[in-house]
Amino acid sequence: MYVLDRLRKLARELLEFVRGVDRALLEESVSALEGEYLELESAFLTAVLGPLVGVRTLTPLLSLELLDALRGELRVLASRAFRGEDVLGDLMSALGGEW
């Protein structure tokens, strides 16, 4: 009876370990995908907004056609331009967290 209880406990702990490893792999995969998303977003913004500031990436006509996909980003840029005096506040908000 004692050996059977120990085997059950061992099996339970092994199952919890496997679930923990699975959860850790899932979280690591999600964070890697989020990092890739940020890199792709940055590359897209550079490709689309680059010709508007003089960086040669796409033709200006194509970048103007793709501007529609950047509505949200343009709102953020406009709000930051409006709050131009609060440079320190923008720096702290870029670092994240509740300051």
PDB file of N, CA and C in Angstrom:
ATOM      1  N   MET A   1       0.822  -1.192   0.000  1.00  0.00           N
ATOM      2  CA  MET A   1       0.000   0.000   0.000  1.00  0.00           C
ATOM      3  C   MET A   1       0.867   1.258   0.000  1.00  0.00           C
ATOM      4  N   TYR A   2       1.923   1.228   0.818  1.00  0.00           N
ATOM      5  CA  TYR A   2       2.812   2.376   0.941  1.00  0.00           C
ATOM      6  C   TYR A   2       3.547   2.640  -0.372  1.00  0.00           C
ATOM      7  N   VAL A   3       3.981   1.589  -1.033  1.00  0.00           N
ATOM      8  CA  VAL A   3       4.699   1.721  -2.299  1.00  0.00           C
ATOM      9  C   VAL A   3       3.766   2.251  -3.380  1.00  0.00           C
ATOM     10  N   LEU A   4       2.527   1.802  -3.373  1.00  0.00           N
ATOM     11  CA  LEU A   4       1.548   2.254  -4.359  1.00  0.00           C
ATOM     12  C   LEU A   4       1.260   3.745  -4.199  1.00  0.00           C
ATOM     13  N   ASP A   5       1.149   4.218  -2.959  1.00  0.00           N
ATOM     14  CA  ASP A   5       0.927   5.649  -2.716  1.00  0.00           C
ATOM     15  C   ASP A   5       2.114   6.480  -3.195  1.00  0.00           C
ATOM     16  N   ARG A   6       3.311   5.985  -2.954  1.00  0.00           N
ATOM     17  CA  ARG A   6       4.507   6.712  -3.405  1.00  0.00           C
ATOM     18  C   ARG A   6       4.577   6.757  -4.928  1.00  0.00           C
ATOM     19  N   LEU A   7       4.185   5.671  -5.584  1.00  0.00           N
ATOM     20  CA  LEU A   7       4.173   5.656  -7.048  1.00  0.00           C
ATOM     21  C   LEU A   7       3.142   6.634  -7.607  1.00  0.00           C
ATOM     22  N   ARG A   8       1.980   6.712  -6.963  1.00  0.00           N
ATOM     23  CA  ARG A   8       0.952   7.670  -7.389  1.00  0.00           C
ATOM     24  C   ARG A   8       1.448   9.104  -7.225  1.00  0.00           C
ATOM     25  N   LYS A   9       2.092   9.356  -6.090  1.00  0.00           N
ATOM     26  CA  LYS A   9       2.628  10.692  -5.834  1.00  0.00           C
ATOM     27  C   LYS A   9       3.703  11.038  -6.866  1.00  0.00           C
ATOM     28  N   LEU A  10       4.560  10.084  -7.170  1.00  0.00           N
ATOM     29  CA  LEU A  10       5.606  10.295  -8.169  1.00  0.00           C
ATOM     30  C   LEU A  10       5.001  10.560  -9.545  1.00  0.00           C
ATOM     31  N   ALA A  11       3.972   9.797  -9.898  1.00  0.00           N
ATOM     32  CA  ALA A  11       3.313   9.986 -11.194  1.00  0.00           C
ATOM     33  C   ALA A  11       2.646  11.359 -11.258  1.00  0.00           C
ATOM     34  N   ARG A  12       2.009  11.789 -10.158  1.00  0.00           N
ATOM     35  CA  ARG A  12       1.373  13.106 -10.103  1.00  0.00           C
ATOM     36  C   ARG A  12       2.403  14.228 -10.266  1.00  0.00           C
ATOM     37  N   GLU A  13       3.522  14.097  -9.566  1.00  0.00           N
ATOM     38  CA  GLU A  13       4.568  15.116  -9.653  1.00  0.00           C
ATOM     39  C   GLU A  13       5.203  15.143 -11.037  1.00  0.00           C
ATOM     40  N   LEU A  14       5.368  13.987 -11.638  1.00  0.00           N
ATOM     41  CA  LEU A  14       5.910  13.924 -12.993  1.00  0.00           C
ATOM     42  C   LEU A  14       4.953  14.584 -13.987  1.00  0.00           C
ATOM     43  N   LEU A  15       3.661  14.350 -13.810  1.00  0.00           N
ATOM     44  CA  LEU A  15       2.664  14.972 -14.672  1.00  0.00           C
ATOM     45  C   LEU A  15       2.665  16.490 -14.495  1.00  0.00           C
ATOM     46  N   GLU A  16       2.781  16.966 -13.269  1.00  0.00           N
ATOM     47  CA  GLU A  16       2.856  18.411 -13.021  1.00  0.00           C
ATOM     48  C   GLU A  16       4.112  19.008 -13.647  1.00  0.00           C
ATOM     49  N   PHE A  17       5.214  18.278 -13.582  1.00  0.00           N
ATOM     50  CA  PHE A  17       6.457  18.742 -14.196  1.00  0.00           C
ATOM     51  C   PHE A  17       6.296  18.884 -15.707  1.00  0.00           C
ATOM     52  N   VAL A  18       5.696  17.880 -16.342  1.00  0.00           N
ATOM     53  CA  VAL A  18       5.498  17.918 -17.793  1.00  0.00           C
ATOM     54  C   VAL A  18       4.569  19.067 -18.166  1.00  0.00           C
ATOM     55  N   ARG A  19       3.520  19.289 -17.386  1.00  0.00           N
ATOM     56  CA  ARG A  19       2.621  20.418 -17.648  1.00  0.00           C
ATOM     57  C   ARG A  19       3.357  21.748 -17.495  1.00  0.00           C
ATOM     58  N   GLY A  20       4.220  21.846 -16.503  1.00  0.00           N
ATOM     59  CA  GLY A  20       5.001  23.069 -16.306  1.00  0.00           C
ATOM     60  C   GLY A  20       5.941  23.339 -17.461  1.00  0.00           C
ATOM     61  N   VAL A  21       6.596  22.290 -17.950  1.00  0.00           N
ATOM     62  CA  VAL A  21       7.487  22.448 -19.102  1.00  0.00           C
ATOM     63  C   VAL A  21       6.683  22.876 -20.323  1.00  0.00           C
ATOM     64  N   ASP A  22       5.517  22.281 -20.509  1.00  0.00           N
ATOM     65  CA  ASP A  22       4.662  22.638 -21.635  1.00  0.00           C
ATOM     66  C   ASP A  22       4.237  24.101 -21.541  1.00  0.00           C
ATOM     67  N   ARG A  23       3.843  24.538 -20.365  1.00  0.00           N
ATOM     68  CA  ARG A  23       3.432  25.925 -20.159  1.00  0.00           C
ATOM     69  C   ARG A  23       4.602  26.886 -20.404  1.00  0.00           C
ATOM     70  N   ALA A  24       5.797  26.516 -19.946  1.00  0.00           N
ATOM     71  CA  ALA A  24       6.978  27.363 -20.149  1.00  0.00           C
ATOM     72  C   ALA A  24       7.322  27.476 -21.633  1.00  0.00           C
ATOM     73  N   LEU A  25       7.243  26.369 -22.356  1.00  0.00           N
ATOM     74  CA  LEU A  25       7.511  26.411 -23.796  1.00  0.00           C
ATOM     75  C   LEU A  25       6.491  27.273 -24.529  1.00  0.00           C
ATOM     76  N   LEU A  26       5.239  27.184 -24.112  1.00  0.00           N
ATOM     77  CA  LEU A  26       4.195  27.990 -24.729  1.00  0.00           C
ATOM     78  C   LEU A  26       4.442  29.475 -24.484  1.00  0.00           C
ATOM     79  N   GLU A  27       4.773  29.840 -23.245  1.00  0.00           N
ATOM     80  CA  GLU A  27       5.034  31.246 -22.933  1.00  0.00           C
ATOM     81  C   GLU A  27       6.267  31.760 -23.670  1.00  0.00           C
ATOM     82  N   GLU A  28       7.285  30.936 -23.786  1.00  0.00           N
ATOM     83  CA  GLU A  28       8.495  31.334 -24.509  1.00  0.00           C
ATOM     84  C   GLU A  28       8.197  31.521 -25.994  1.00  0.00           C
ATOM     85  N   SER A  29       7.361  30.669 -26.539  1.00  0.00           N
ATOM     86  CA  SER A  29       6.987  30.794 -27.949  1.00  0.00           C
ATOM     87  C   SER A  29       6.190  32.067 -28.193  1.00  0.00           C
ATOM     88  N   VAL A  30       5.286  32.373 -27.282  1.00  0.00           N
ATOM     89  CA  VAL A  30       4.487  33.590 -27.426  1.00  0.00           C
ATOM     90  C   VAL A  30       5.377  34.827 -27.359  1.00  0.00           C
ATOM     91  N   SER A  31       6.324  34.847 -26.432  1.00  0.00           N
ATOM     92  CA  SER A  31       7.204  36.016 -26.337  1.00  0.00           C
ATOM     93  C   SER A  31       8.090  36.140 -27.577  1.00  0.00           C
ATOM     94  N   ALA A  32       8.519  35.025 -28.143  1.00  0.00           N
ATOM     95  CA  ALA A  32       9.311  35.077 -29.379  1.00  0.00           C
ATOM     96  C   ALA A  32       8.473  35.608 -30.538  1.00  0.00           C
ATOM     97  N   LEU A  33       7.214  35.185 -30.613  1.00  0.00           N
ATOM     98  CA  LEU A  33       6.329  35.687 -31.670  1.00  0.00           C
ATOM     99  C   LEU A  33       6.048  37.175 -31.504  1.00  0.00           C
ATOM    100  N   GLU A  34       5.890  37.629 -30.262  1.00  0.00           N
ATOM    101  CA  GLU A  34       5.678  39.055 -30.028  1.00  0.00           C
ATOM    102  C   GLU A  34       6.898  39.864 -30.459  1.00  0.00           C
ATOM    103  N   GLY A  35       8.084  39.344 -30.198  1.00  0.00           N
ATOM    104  CA  GLY A  35       9.301  40.019 -30.642  1.00  0.00           C
ATOM    105  C   GLY A  35       9.392  40.097 -32.157  1.00  0.00           C
ATOM    106  N   GLU A  36       9.048  39.011 -32.823  1.00  0.00           N
ATOM    107  CA  GLU A  36       9.053  39.004 -34.289  1.00  0.00           C
ATOM    108  C   GLU A  36       8.030  39.990 -34.844  1.00  0.00           C
ATOM    109  N   TYR A  37       6.869  40.066 -34.187  1.00  0.00           N
ATOM    110  CA  TYR A  37       5.834  41.007 -34.621  1.00  0.00           C
ATOM    111  C   TYR A  37       6.340  42.443 -34.528  1.00  0.00           C
ATOM    112  N   LEU A  38       7.015  42.774 -33.430  1.00  0.00           N
ATOM    113  CA  LEU A  38       7.547  44.128 -33.274  1.00  0.00           C
ATOM    114  C   LEU A  38       8.600  44.439 -34.333  1.00  0.00           C
ATOM    115  N   GLU A  39       9.445  43.464 -34.655  1.00  0.00           N
ATOM    116  CA  GLU A  39      10.452  43.675 -35.698  1.00  0.00           C
ATOM    117  C   GLU A  39       9.802  43.879 -37.066  1.00  0.00           C
ATOM    118  N   LEU A  40       8.792  43.077 -37.372  1.00  0.00           N
ATOM    119  CA  LEU A  40       8.104  43.230 -38.654  1.00  0.00           C
ATOM    120  C   LEU A  40       7.366  44.559 -38.734  1.00  0.00           C
ATOM    121  N   GLU A  41       6.761  44.970 -37.619  1.00  0.00           N
ATOM    122  CA  GLU A  41       6.068  46.252 -37.593  1.00  0.00           C
ATOM    123  C   GLU A  41       7.051  47.396 -37.826  1.00  0.00           C
ATOM    124  N   SER A  42       8.210  47.312 -37.206  1.00  0.00           N
ATOM    125  CA  SER A  42       9.232  48.342 -37.395  1.00  0.00           C
ATOM    126  C   SER A  42       9.710  48.386 -38.844  1.00  0.00           C
ATOM    127  N   ALA A  43       9.921  47.227 -39.438  1.00  0.00           N
ATOM    128  CA  ALA A  43      10.352  47.179 -40.839  1.00  0.00           C
ATOM    129  C   ALA A  43       9.271  47.738 -41.759  1.00  0.00           C
ATOM    130  N   PHE A  44       8.016  47.432 -41.469  1.00  0.00           N
ATOM    131  CA  PHE A  44       6.914  47.944 -42.282  1.00  0.00           C
ATOM    132  C   PHE A  44       6.825  49.461 -42.175  1.00  0.00           C
ATOM    133  N   LEU A  45       6.954  49.974 -40.947  1.00  0.00           N
ATOM    134  CA  LEU A  45       6.904  51.424 -40.768  1.00  0.00           C
ATOM    135  C   LEU A  45       8.061  52.110 -41.484  1.00  0.00           C
ATOM    136  N   THR A  46       9.232  51.512 -41.428  1.00  0.00           N
ATOM    137  CA  THR A  46      10.378  52.089 -42.132  1.00  0.00           C
ATOM    138  C   THR A  46      10.148  52.068 -43.637  1.00  0.00           C
ATOM    139  N   ALA A  47       9.600  50.979 -44.136  1.00  0.00           N
ATOM    140  CA  ALA A  47       9.366  50.870 -45.575  1.00  0.00           C
ATOM    141  C   ALA A  47       8.310  51.858 -46.048  1.00  0.00           C
ATOM    142  N   VAL A  48       7.267  52.067 -45.242  1.00  0.00           N
ATOM    143  CA  VAL A  48       6.177  52.936 -45.684  1.00  0.00           C
ATOM    144  C   VAL A  48       6.481  54.408 -45.426  1.00  0.00           C
ATOM    145  N   LEU A  49       6.979  54.721 -44.246  1.00  0.00           N
ATOM    146  CA  LEU A  49       7.216  56.123 -43.910  1.00  0.00           C
ATOM    147  C   LEU A  49       8.583  56.622 -44.358  1.00  0.00           C
ATOM    148  N   GLY A  50       9.469  55.726 -44.738  1.00  0.00           N
ATOM    149  CA  GLY A  50      10.807  56.122 -45.172  1.00  0.00           C
ATOM    150  C   GLY A  50      10.821  57.102 -46.333  1.00  0.00           C
ATOM    151  N   PRO A  51      10.109  56.825 -47.420  1.00  0.00           N
ATOM    152  CA  PRO A  51      10.130  57.762 -48.550  1.00  0.00           C
ATOM    153  C   PRO A  51       9.572  59.141 -48.208  1.00  0.00           C
ATOM    154  N   LEU A  52       8.738  59.220 -47.198  1.00  0.00           N
ATOM    155  CA  LEU A  52       8.168  60.515 -46.833  1.00  0.00           C
ATOM    156  C   LEU A  52       9.172  61.409 -46.121  1.00  0.00           C
ATOM    157  N   VAL A  53      10.246  60.808 -45.589  1.00  0.00           N
ATOM    158  CA  VAL A  53      11.278  61.599 -44.909  1.00  0.00           C
ATOM    159  C   VAL A  53      12.624  61.515 -45.620  1.00  0.00           C
ATOM    160  N   GLY A  54      12.679  60.899 -46.790  1.00  0.00           N
ATOM    161  CA  GLY A  54      13.898  60.896 -47.579  1.00  0.00           C
ATOM    162  C   GLY A  54      14.676  59.597 -47.596  1.00  0.00           C
ATOM    163  N   VAL A  55      14.213  58.561 -46.920  1.00  0.00           N
ATOM    164  CA  VAL A  55      14.891  57.261 -46.951  1.00  0.00           C
ATOM    165  C   VAL A  55      14.320  56.471 -48.128  1.00  0.00           C
ATOM    166  N   ARG A  56      15.181  56.013 -49.018  1.00  0.00           N
ATOM    167  CA  ARG A  56      14.701  55.318 -50.215  1.00  0.00           C
ATOM    168  C   ARG A  56      14.441  53.844 -49.906  1.00  0.00           C
ATOM    169  N   THR A  57      13.180  53.493 -49.772  1.00  0.00           N
ATOM    170  CA  THR A  57      12.807  52.093 -49.568  1.00  0.00           C
ATOM    171  C   THR A  57      11.766  51.666 -50.596  1.00  0.00           C
ATOM    172  N   LEU A  58      10.671  52.385 -50.660  1.00  0.00           N
ATOM    173  CA  LEU A  58       9.613  52.120 -51.634  1.00  0.00           C
ATOM    174  C   LEU A  58       9.424  53.365 -52.492  1.00  0.00           C
ATOM    175  N   THR A  59       8.659  53.218 -53.545  1.00  0.00           N
ATOM    176  CA  THR A  59       8.319  54.416 -54.306  1.00  0.00           C
ATOM    177  C   THR A  59       7.349  55.251 -53.474  1.00  0.00           C
ATOM    178  N   PRO A  60       7.418  56.557 -53.573  1.00  0.00           N
ATOM    179  CA  PRO A  60       6.509  57.401 -52.784  1.00  0.00           C
ATOM    180  C   PRO A  60       5.040  57.106 -53.059  1.00  0.00           C
ATOM    181  N   LEU A  61       4.695  56.772 -54.295  1.00  0.00           N
ATOM    182  CA  LEU A  61       3.306  56.470 -54.619  1.00  0.00           C
ATOM    183  C   LEU A  61       2.829  55.230 -53.869  1.00  0.00           C
ATOM    184  N   LEU A  62       3.651  54.195 -53.828  1.00  0.00           N
ATOM    185  CA  LEU A  62       3.283  52.975 -53.109  1.00  0.00           C
ATOM    186  C   LEU A  62       3.175  53.235 -51.610  1.00  0.00           C
ATOM    187  N   SER A  63       4.074  54.044 -51.073  1.00  0.00           N
ATOM    188  CA  SER A  63       3.995  54.332 -49.637  1.00  0.00           C
ATOM    189  C   SER A  63       2.740  55.136 -49.320  1.00  0.00           C
ATOM    190  N   LEU A  64       2.320  56.018 -50.222  1.00  0.00           N
ATOM    191  CA  LEU A  64       1.077  56.761 -49.998  1.00  0.00           C
ATOM    192  C   LEU A  64      -0.132  55.835 -50.050  1.00  0.00           C
ATOM    193  N   GLU A  65      -0.082  54.820 -50.906  1.00  0.00           N
ATOM    194  CA  GLU A  65      -1.185  53.858 -50.965  1.00  0.00           C
ATOM    195  C   GLU A  65      -1.262  53.020 -49.690  1.00  0.00           C
ATOM    196  N   LEU A  66      -0.119  52.726 -49.083  1.00  0.00           N
ATOM    197  CA  LEU A  66      -0.090  51.904 -47.871  1.00  0.00           C
ATOM    198  C   LEU A  66      -0.351  52.701 -46.595  1.00  0.00           C
ATOM    199  N   LEU A  67      -0.431  54.015 -46.695  1.00  0.00           N
ATOM    200  CA  LEU A  67      -0.662  54.828 -45.498  1.00  0.00           C
ATOM    201  C   LEU A  67      -1.989  54.501 -44.820  1.00  0.00           C
ATOM    202  N   ASP A  68      -2.949  54.000 -45.589  1.00  0.00           N
ATOM    203  CA  ASP A  68      -4.244  53.661 -45.004  1.00  0.00           C
ATOM    204  C   ASP A  68      -4.113  52.592 -43.924  1.00  0.00           C
ATOM    205  N   ALA A  69      -3.135  51.715 -44.062  1.00  0.00           N
ATOM    206  CA  ALA A  69      -2.928  50.660 -43.057  1.00  0.00           C
ATOM    207  C   ALA A  69      -2.303  51.201 -41.781  1.00  0.00           C
ATOM    208  N   LEU A  70      -1.868  52.450 -41.803  1.00  0.00           N
ATOM    209  CA  LEU A  70      -1.173  53.028 -40.650  1.00  0.00           C
ATOM    210  C   LEU A  70      -2.011  54.056 -39.899  1.00  0.00           C
ATOM    211  N   ARG A  71      -3.307  53.970 -39.977  1.00  0.00           N
ATOM    212  CA  ARG A  71      -4.154  54.966 -39.312  1.00  0.00           C
ATOM    213  C   ARG A  71      -3.855  55.090 -37.826  1.00  0.00           C
ATOM    214  N   GLY A  72      -3.766  53.964 -37.141  1.00  0.00           N
ATOM    215  CA  GLY A  72      -3.509  53.994 -35.697  1.00  0.00           C
ATOM    216  C   GLY A  72      -2.161  54.605 -35.370  1.00  0.00           C
ATOM    217  N   GLU A  73      -1.137  54.225 -36.124  1.00  0.00           N
ATOM    218  CA  GLU A  73       0.199  54.774 -35.891  1.00  0.00           C
ATOM    219  C   GLU A  73       0.230  56.270 -36.161  1.00  0.00           C
ATOM    220  N   LEU A  74      -0.479  56.700 -37.185  1.00  0.00           N
ATOM    221  CA  LEU A  74      -0.501  58.127 -37.499  1.00  0.00           C
ATOM    222  C   LEU A  74      -1.209  58.921 -36.409  1.00  0.00           C
ATOM    223  N   ARG A  75      -2.237  58.333 -35.790  1.00  0.00           N
ATOM    224  CA  ARG A  75      -2.890  59.004 -34.656  1.00  0.00           C
ATOM    225  C   ARG A  75      -1.916  59.173 -33.500  1.00  0.00           C
ATOM    226  N   VAL A  76      -1.134  58.132 -33.229  1.00  0.00           N
ATOM    227  CA  VAL A  76      -0.138  58.218 -32.153  1.00  0.00           C
ATOM    228  C   VAL A  76       0.904  59.277 -32.478  1.00  0.00           C
ATOM    229  N   LEU A  77       1.380  59.291 -33.720  1.00  0.00           N
ATOM    230  CA  LEU A  77       2.370  60.292 -34.120  1.00  0.00           C
ATOM    231  C   LEU A  77       1.808  61.705 -34.009  1.00  0.00           C
ATOM    232  N   ALA A  78       0.543  61.880 -34.402  1.00  0.00           N
ATOM    233  CA  ALA A  78      -0.067  63.205 -34.313  1.00  0.00           C
ATOM    234  C   ALA A  78      -0.234  63.638 -32.864  1.00  0.00           C
ATOM    235  N   SER A  79      -0.626  62.709 -31.997  1.00  0.00           N
ATOM    236  CA  SER A  79      -0.788  63.083 -30.586  1.00  0.00           C
ATOM    237  C   SER A  79       0.558  63.403 -29.951  1.00  0.00           C
ATOM    238  N   ARG A  80       1.608  62.718 -30.355  1.00  0.00           N
ATOM    239  CA  ARG A  80       2.944  63.035 -29.823  1.00  0.00           C
ATOM    240  C   ARG A  80       3.436  64.371 -30.352  1.00  0.00           C
ATOM    241  N   ALA A  81       3.109  64.682 -31.591  1.00  0.00           N
ATOM    242  CA  ALA A  81       3.503  65.983 -32.131  1.00  0.00           C
ATOM    243  C   ALA A  81       2.766  67.102 -31.408  1.00  0.00           C
ATOM    244  N   PHE A  82       1.516  66.841 -31.028  1.00  0.00           N
ATOM    245  CA  PHE A  82       0.729  67.839 -30.305  1.00  0.00           C
ATOM    246  C   PHE A  82       1.291  68.052 -28.906  1.00  0.00           C
ATOM    247  N   ARG A  83       1.762  66.975 -28.279  1.00  0.00           N
ATOM    248  CA  ARG A  83       2.328  67.069 -26.932  1.00  0.00           C
ATOM    249  C   ARG A  83       3.846  67.219 -26.998  1.00  0.00           C
ATOM    250  N   GLY A  84       4.346  67.944 -27.938  1.00  0.00           N
ATOM    251  CA  GLY A  84       5.781  68.047 -28.175  1.00  0.00           C
ATOM    252  C   GLY A  84       6.578  68.611 -27.026  1.00  0.00           C
ATOM    253  N   GLU A  85       5.945  69.416 -26.171  1.00  0.00           N
ATOM    254  CA  GLU A  85       6.685  70.014 -25.070  1.00  0.00           C
ATOM    255  C   GLU A  85       6.992  69.012 -23.968  1.00  0.00           C
ATOM    256  N   ASP A  86       6.236  67.941 -23.888  1.00  0.00           N
ATOM    257  CA  ASP A  86       6.385  66.982 -22.794  1.00  0.00           C
ATOM    258  C   ASP A  86       7.317  65.843 -23.219  1.00  0.00           C
ATOM    259  N   VAL A  87       8.566  66.163 -23.486  1.00  0.00           N
ATOM    260  CA  VAL A  87       9.527  65.170 -23.960  1.00  0.00           C
ATOM    261  C   VAL A  87       9.826  64.145 -22.875  1.00  0.00           C
ATOM    262  N   LEU A  88       9.966  64.600 -21.634  1.00  0.00           N
ATOM    263  CA  LEU A  88      10.255  63.682 -20.535  1.00  0.00           C
ATOM    264  C   LEU A  88       9.092  62.714 -20.307  1.00  0.00           C
ATOM    265  N   GLY A  89       7.865  63.210 -20.419  1.00  0.00           N
ATOM    266  CA  GLY A  89       6.699  62.338 -20.282  1.00  0.00           C
ATOM    267  C   GLY A  89       6.639  61.294 -21.378  1.00  0.00           C
ATOM    268  N   ASP A  90       6.981  61.684 -22.606  1.00  0.00           N
ATOM    269  CA  ASP A  90       7.013  60.720 -23.707  1.00  0.00           C
ATOM    270  C   ASP A  90       8.095  59.669 -23.495  1.00  0.00           C
ATOM    271  N   LEU A  91       9.237  60.102 -22.955  1.00  0.00           N
ATOM    272  CA  LEU A  91      10.313  59.150 -22.680  1.00  0.00           C
ATOM    273  C   LEU A  91       9.873  58.134 -21.634  1.00  0.00           C
ATOM    274  N   MET A  92       9.224  58.596 -20.578  1.00  0.00           N
ATOM    275  CA  MET A  92       8.775  57.685 -19.528  1.00  0.00           C
ATOM    276  C   MET A  92       7.672  56.757 -20.032  1.00  0.00           C
ATOM    277  N   SER A  93       6.786  57.264 -20.890  1.00  0.00           N
ATOM    278  CA  SER A  93       5.741  56.382 -21.420  1.00  0.00           C
ATOM    279  C   SER A  93       6.328  55.363 -22.387  1.00  0.00           C
ATOM    280  N   ALA A  94       7.407  55.713 -23.072  1.00  0.00           N
ATOM    281  CA  ALA A  94       8.056  54.750 -23.964  1.00  0.00           C
ATOM    282  C   ALA A  94       8.731  53.644 -23.173  1.00  0.00           C
ATOM    283  N   LEU A  95       9.199  53.964 -21.961  1.00  0.00           N
ATOM    284  CA  LEU A  95       9.814  52.936 -21.121  1.00  0.00           C
ATOM    285  C   LEU A  95       8.783  51.978 -20.560  1.00  0.00           C
ATOM    286  N   GLY A  96       7.521  52.391 -20.547  1.00  0.00           N
ATOM    287  CA  GLY A  96       6.451  51.537 -20.053  1.00  0.00           C
ATOM    288  C   GLY A  96       6.255  51.693 -18.565  1.00  0.00           C
ATOM    289  N   GLY A  97       5.173  51.142 -18.093  1.00  0.00           N
ATOM    290  CA  GLY A  97       4.886  51.206 -16.663  1.00  0.00           C
ATOM    291  C   GLY A  97       4.044  52.410 -16.307  1.00  0.00           C
ATOM    292  N   GLU A  98       3.611  52.433 -15.091  1.00  0.00           N
ATOM    293  CA  GLU A  98       2.816  53.540 -14.570  1.00  0.00           C
ATOM    294  C   GLU A  98       3.731  54.471 -13.816  1.00  0.00           C
ATOM    295  N   TRP A  99       4.052  55.621 -14.363  1.00  0.00           N
ATOM    296  CA  TRP A  99       4.961  56.548 -13.691  1.00  0.00           C
ATOM    297  C   TRP A  99       4.169  57.580 -12.989  1.00  0.00           C
TER     298      TRP A  99
END
